[in-house]
Amino acid sequence: MADTMDQALGWDDAIEGSGSDFEPVPAGEYGFRVVSMERQYHNGSDKMAPCPVARIEIELTDAPRAAHLFDRLFLNKKTMWKIVDFFTSIGLHDKGDDKPFKPDWTRIAGRCGRCRVKTREYNGSTYNDVDRWLAPEAPAARVQAPYAPTADAIPADARTHAVVDDAVRQAQKQAMKPGAF
C-alpha cells in the first residue's frame, strides 16, 4: 500500500480530513530546547515601534506530550527585559548582571532552559504561549557531591589519583557555568 500522506497538493485540489488533533499542554513550568530562531521584522503598531523580531521555536522536553511553542522577542527597548530573561534562561547571560551585553543569536539553537507556559483562548480554541523565561537554578544546587571511595575500593597509584582529581575539578567547573545542564 502506497503512503499517500506525503504527497504534494495543488492549489486547486480538494482538501480532506477533519483538521488537527492538537491539544495544548497544561499551564505550568517546563524544560525546553531551542529548536530554531528566525529573523523577522515588525512593521510597527499603536503599541510598538517598527523593529526586528526574533521568532523563537522551542520544544518542551518534560511536558506530558510532545509540544512545540513559538515566541517572538521584539528587539525594542520596551521589551529588553524579555530578551534578557530569555538569554538568562538558556545560560548565555548571568542573572542579576546589569551590564549591557550583546546577545549572541548564533549560539541559541540547541540550548536548554526552563519556561512558564500559559494557555489562552482565541476564537473558541485553546493555545499555549510562553508566559515567562525562567532563570536557571543556582549553580551550587546543581553540583553533584564529590566521589567518596568505599572501603573495598581498589587502590590506585598517585598518578591515577592526579588524573582523576583533575577530571573531577574540570567537570565541577563546567557544572558551575550557567546553562551547563
Protein backbone atom coordinates (compact mmCIF):
# COMPACT_ATOMS: atom_id res chain seq x y z
CA MET A 1 0.00 0.00 0.00
CA ALA A 2 1.48 3.35 -1.01
CA ASP A 3 1.96 6.14 1.55
CA THR A 4 -0.48 8.84 0.50
CA MET A 5 0.26 11.16 3.44
CA ASP A 6 3.45 12.60 1.94
CA GLN A 7 2.24 13.90 -1.39
CA ALA A 8 2.13 17.45 -2.64
CA LEU A 9 -1.23 19.11 -3.19
CA GLY A 10 -2.06 21.51 -5.97
CA TRP A 11 -3.52 24.96 -5.28
CA ASP A 12 -6.88 23.87 -6.71
CA ASP A 13 -7.00 20.35 -5.12
CA ALA A 14 -9.78 19.36 -2.69
CA ILE A 15 -8.65 19.09 0.93
CA GLU A 16 -9.69 16.07 3.02
CA GLY A 17 -9.60 15.46 6.73
CA SER A 18 -11.12 16.75 9.91
CA GLY A 19 -8.30 19.09 10.94
CA SER A 20 -5.66 18.93 13.62
CA ASP A 21 -5.97 16.89 16.79
CA PHE A 22 -3.79 19.47 18.58
CA GLU A 23 -4.29 19.65 22.30
CA PRO A 24 -2.35 22.19 24.39
CA VAL A 25 -0.26 21.12 27.36
CA PRO A 26 -1.44 22.21 30.81
CA ALA A 27 -0.14 25.54 32.08
CA GLY A 28 3.00 25.11 34.19
CA GLU A 29 6.79 25.15 34.24
CA TYR A 30 8.62 23.03 31.66
CA GLY A 31 12.12 22.41 30.43
CA PHE A 32 12.73 23.34 26.81
CA ARG A 33 15.26 23.11 24.00
CA VAL A 34 15.62 25.88 21.43
CA VAL A 35 14.87 24.39 18.01
CA SER A 36 15.39 27.46 15.84
CA MET A 37 15.36 31.22 15.55
CA GLU A 38 14.06 33.13 12.56
CA ARG A 39 14.80 36.80 11.97
CA GLN A 40 11.66 38.79 11.17
CA TYR A 41 10.60 42.42 11.14
CA HIS A 42 7.67 44.12 12.87
CA ASN A 43 6.28 46.99 10.80
CA GLY A 44 5.01 48.81 13.86
CA SER A 45 1.65 49.22 15.57
CA ASP A 46 -0.08 51.51 18.04
CA LYS A 47 1.76 49.70 20.87
CA MET A 48 5.21 49.03 19.34
CA ALA A 49 7.52 50.94 17.02
CA PRO A 50 8.92 49.13 13.95
CA CYS A 51 11.75 46.81 15.00
CA PRO A 52 13.46 43.49 14.27
CA VAL A 53 11.87 40.38 15.81
CA ALA A 54 13.41 37.05 16.76
CA ARG A 55 10.85 34.26 16.27
CA ILE A 56 11.97 31.51 18.66
CA GLU A 57 10.79 27.91 18.29
CA ILE A 58 11.17 25.71 21.36
CA GLU A 59 10.41 22.08 22.09
CA LEU A 60 9.15 21.29 25.60
CA THR A 61 11.32 18.49 26.98
CA ASP A 62 9.36 17.37 30.02
CA ALA A 63 5.75 18.11 29.09
CA PRO A 64 3.14 15.33 29.29
CA ARG A 65 3.19 15.12 25.47
CA ALA A 66 5.27 16.48 22.60
CA ALA A 67 4.86 20.23 22.22
CA HIS A 68 6.49 22.94 20.14
CA LEU A 69 5.88 26.58 21.01
CA PHE A 70 6.83 29.83 19.31
CA ASP A 71 7.63 33.13 20.97
CA ARG A 72 8.52 36.47 19.45
CA LEU A 73 11.23 38.61 21.01
CA PHE A 74 10.85 42.19 19.83
CA LEU A 75 14.21 43.96 19.64
CA ASN A 76 12.85 47.12 21.18
CA LYS A 77 13.86 48.98 24.36
CA LYS A 78 10.31 48.42 25.63
CA THR A 79 10.88 44.64 25.75
CA MET A 80 14.60 44.36 26.55
CA TRP A 81 13.67 42.63 29.82
CA LYS A 82 12.22 39.70 27.87
CA ILE A 83 15.40 39.31 25.78
CA VAL A 84 17.49 39.37 28.97
CA ASP A 85 15.19 36.76 30.58
CA PHE A 86 15.47 34.52 27.50
CA PHE A 87 19.27 34.68 27.35
CA THR A 88 19.48 34.15 31.12
CA SER A 89 17.20 31.10 30.89
CA ILE A 90 19.47 29.42 28.32
CA GLY A 91 22.66 30.28 30.23
CA LEU A 92 24.07 32.92 27.87
CA HIS A 93 23.63 35.78 30.34
CA ASP A 94 24.13 35.87 34.11
CA LYS A 95 21.12 36.60 36.29
CA GLY A 96 21.43 39.95 38.00
CA ASP A 97 24.17 41.21 35.66
CA ASP A 98 23.01 44.71 34.78
CA LYS A 99 25.86 45.49 32.42
CA PRO A 100 24.91 45.85 28.75
CA PHE A 101 25.55 42.71 26.72
CA LYS A 102 25.37 41.83 23.06
CA PRO A 103 23.12 38.79 22.56
CA ASP A 104 24.80 36.07 20.51
CA TRP A 105 21.83 34.86 18.46
CA THR A 106 24.02 32.30 16.65
CA ARG A 107 24.50 30.27 19.85
CA ILE A 108 20.88 29.78 20.91
CA ALA A 109 19.87 26.75 18.77
CA GLY A 110 20.14 23.59 20.86
CA ARG A 111 20.39 25.46 24.18
CA CYS A 112 18.15 24.32 27.03
CA GLY A 113 16.35 26.14 29.81
CA ARG A 114 13.05 26.41 31.65
CA CYS A 115 9.96 28.47 30.97
CA ARG A 116 6.50 29.01 32.36
CA VAL A 117 3.77 28.13 29.85
CA LYS A 118 0.26 29.54 29.94
CA THR A 119 -2.88 28.78 27.96
CA ARG A 120 -5.03 31.34 26.17
CA GLU A 121 -8.37 31.20 24.42
CA TYR A 122 -8.83 32.61 20.92
CA ASN A 123 -11.81 32.09 18.60
CA GLY A 124 -13.03 29.13 20.64
CA SER A 125 -9.66 27.31 20.64
CA THR A 126 -7.05 26.97 23.38
CA TYR A 127 -3.39 27.69 22.67
CA ASN A 128 -0.10 27.61 24.59
CA ASP A 129 2.16 30.64 24.98
CA VAL A 130 5.45 31.20 26.77
CA ASP A 131 4.46 33.26 29.80
CA ARG A 132 7.97 33.77 31.19
CA TRP A 133 11.55 32.61 30.56
CA LEU A 134 12.91 31.32 33.89
CA ALA A 135 16.44 31.75 35.22
CA PRO A 136 18.34 28.52 35.90
CA GLU A 137 18.57 27.31 39.46
CA ALA A 138 21.64 28.36 41.43
CA PRO A 139 24.77 26.56 40.15
CA ALA A 140 25.66 25.36 43.66
CA ALA A 141 22.39 23.42 43.83
CA ARG A 142 23.24 21.55 40.61
CA VAL A 143 26.75 20.35 41.55
CA GLN A 144 26.88 16.69 42.50
CA ALA A 145 28.60 15.57 45.65
CA PRO A 146 32.22 14.51 45.07
CA TYR A 147 33.01 10.82 44.75
CA ALA A 148 33.89 9.14 48.02
CA PRO A 149 35.52 5.72 47.60
CA THR A 150 34.21 2.81 49.63
CA ALA A 151 36.40 0.73 51.94
CA ASP A 152 36.67 -2.05 49.33
CA ALA A 153 37.80 0.26 46.51
CA ILE A 154 40.94 -0.84 44.66
CA PRO A 155 43.89 1.44 45.48
CA ALA A 156 45.39 3.39 42.59
CA ASP A 157 48.77 4.98 42.15
CA ALA A 158 49.35 8.72 42.73
CA ARG A 159 49.40 9.50 39.00
CA THR A 160 45.93 7.96 38.51
CA HIS A 161 44.64 9.96 41.50
CA ALA A 162 46.00 13.18 39.98
CA VAL A 163 44.35 12.49 36.61
CA VAL A 164 41.00 11.65 38.23
CA ASP A 165 41.16 14.66 40.57
CA ASP A 166 41.88 16.94 37.61
CA ALA A 167 38.95 15.49 35.64
CA VAL A 168 36.63 15.99 38.63
CA ARG A 169 37.75 19.63 39.03
CA GLN A 170 37.15 20.27 35.33
CA ALA A 171 33.69 18.70 35.49
CA GLN A 172 32.81 20.78 38.55
CA LYS A 173 33.94 23.98 36.83
CA GLN A 174 31.85 23.07 33.78
CA ALA A 175 28.83 22.34 36.00
CA MET A 176 29.16 25.75 37.66
CA LYS A 177 28.71 27.58 34.34
CA PRO A 178 25.16 28.88 33.73
CA GLY A 179 23.25 26.74 31.27
CA ALA A 180 25.58 23.77 31.72
CA PHE A 181 22.61 21.43 32.09
